Amino acid sequence: TWMSVCDAAFDQQDAEVVCRELDCGAPVQVLGAAAFGKGDTQMWTQEIQCRGNESQIHLCPTSPSHEDTCNHDNNVGL
């Protein structure tokens, strides 16, 4: 299932896991503020805390998000 991910607390380790899962090479840069456009899918409501060695994003530890203002203006882009 595709979901939008908030740019708050999304870092290089999270990007490495996403790029590995999608087989699109190494991430060059993590961009916020909907750099590639606003998503229109459901927002991921947990903070992703990958270690960087996971094979898929859903295997990463998560915690409840403390970002109440996250919306599609804050989509992360890789």
Protein backbone atom coordinates (compact mmCIF):
# COMPACT_ATOMS: atom_id res chain seq x y z
CA THR A 1 0.00 0.00 0.00
CA TRP A 2 1.36 3.42 -0.93
CA MET A 3 1.25 6.06 1.79
CA SER A 4 2.52 9.60 2.19
CA VAL A 5 5.27 10.05 4.76
CA CYS A 6 5.80 13.20 6.82
CA ASP A 7 9.21 14.85 6.51
CA ALA A 8 9.47 15.37 10.29
CA ALA A 9 12.21 13.11 11.70
CA PHE A 10 12.66 11.26 8.35
CA ASP A 11 16.40 10.89 7.85
CA GLN A 12 19.08 9.30 5.68
CA GLN A 13 18.76 5.88 7.38
CA ASP A 14 15.02 5.82 6.63
CA ALA A 15 15.76 6.82 3.03
CA GLU A 16 18.30 4.00 2.65
CA VAL A 17 15.67 1.45 3.60
CA VAL A 18 13.03 2.88 1.26
CA CYS A 19 15.46 3.00 -1.66
CA ARG A 20 16.62 -0.55 -0.94
CA GLU A 21 13.02 -1.78 -0.85
CA LEU A 22 12.16 -0.03 -4.12
CA ASP A 23 15.48 -1.10 -5.72
CA CYS A 24 16.17 2.42 -6.94
CA GLY A 25 19.77 2.82 -5.84
CA ALA A 26 21.26 4.78 -2.99
CA PRO A 27 19.46 7.90 -1.80
CA VAL A 28 21.23 11.11 -2.68
CA GLN A 29 19.23 13.54 -0.60
CA VAL A 30 16.20 13.60 1.69
CA LEU A 31 13.95 16.53 0.80
CA GLY A 32 10.99 17.85 2.75
CA ALA A 33 8.18 20.32 2.15
CA ALA A 34 6.66 18.22 -0.66
CA ALA A 35 9.64 18.87 -2.95
CA PHE A 36 8.22 16.50 -5.57
CA GLY A 37 4.60 17.51 -5.08
CA LYS A 38 1.91 16.88 -2.54
CA GLY A 39 0.71 13.33 -2.11
CA ASP A 40 -2.95 12.47 -2.03
CA THR A 41 -2.76 9.16 -0.20
CA GLN A 42 -3.23 8.40 3.47
CA MET A 43 -0.52 9.82 5.77
CA TRP A 44 1.75 7.44 7.69
CA THR A 45 0.96 8.36 11.29
CA GLN A 46 4.02 6.93 13.02
CA GLU A 47 7.56 8.24 13.23
CA ILE A 48 9.88 5.88 11.35
CA GLN A 49 13.13 5.04 13.13
CA CYS A 50 15.09 2.77 10.78
CA ARG A 51 18.57 1.62 11.70
CA GLY A 52 19.41 1.56 7.99
CA ASN A 53 19.92 -2.19 7.56
CA GLU A 54 16.26 -3.23 7.25
CA SER A 55 15.12 -4.67 3.93
CA GLN A 56 11.66 -3.07 4.03
CA ILE A 57 10.23 0.05 5.65
CA HIS A 58 7.56 -1.85 7.57
CA LEU A 59 10.35 -3.72 9.41
CA CYS A 60 11.69 -0.48 10.91
CA PRO A 61 10.89 0.42 14.50
CA THR A 62 8.26 3.12 14.83
CA SER A 63 6.88 5.34 17.52
CA PRO A 64 3.74 7.46 17.70
CA SER A 65 4.19 10.71 15.87
CA HIS A 66 4.46 13.88 17.89
CA GLU A 67 3.84 15.95 14.79
CA ASP A 68 0.16 16.94 14.92
CA THR A 69 0.48 19.36 12.02
CA CYS A 70 1.78 16.91 9.44
CA ASN A 71 -0.10 17.17 6.17
CA HIS A 72 0.63 16.81 2.48
CA ASP A 73 2.60 20.08 2.54
CA ASN A 74 5.15 18.12 4.59
CA ASN A 75 5.60 15.06 2.38
CA VAL A 76 9.13 13.69 2.28
CA GLY A 77 10.84 13.20 -1.07
CA LEU A 78 13.87 11.08 -1.97
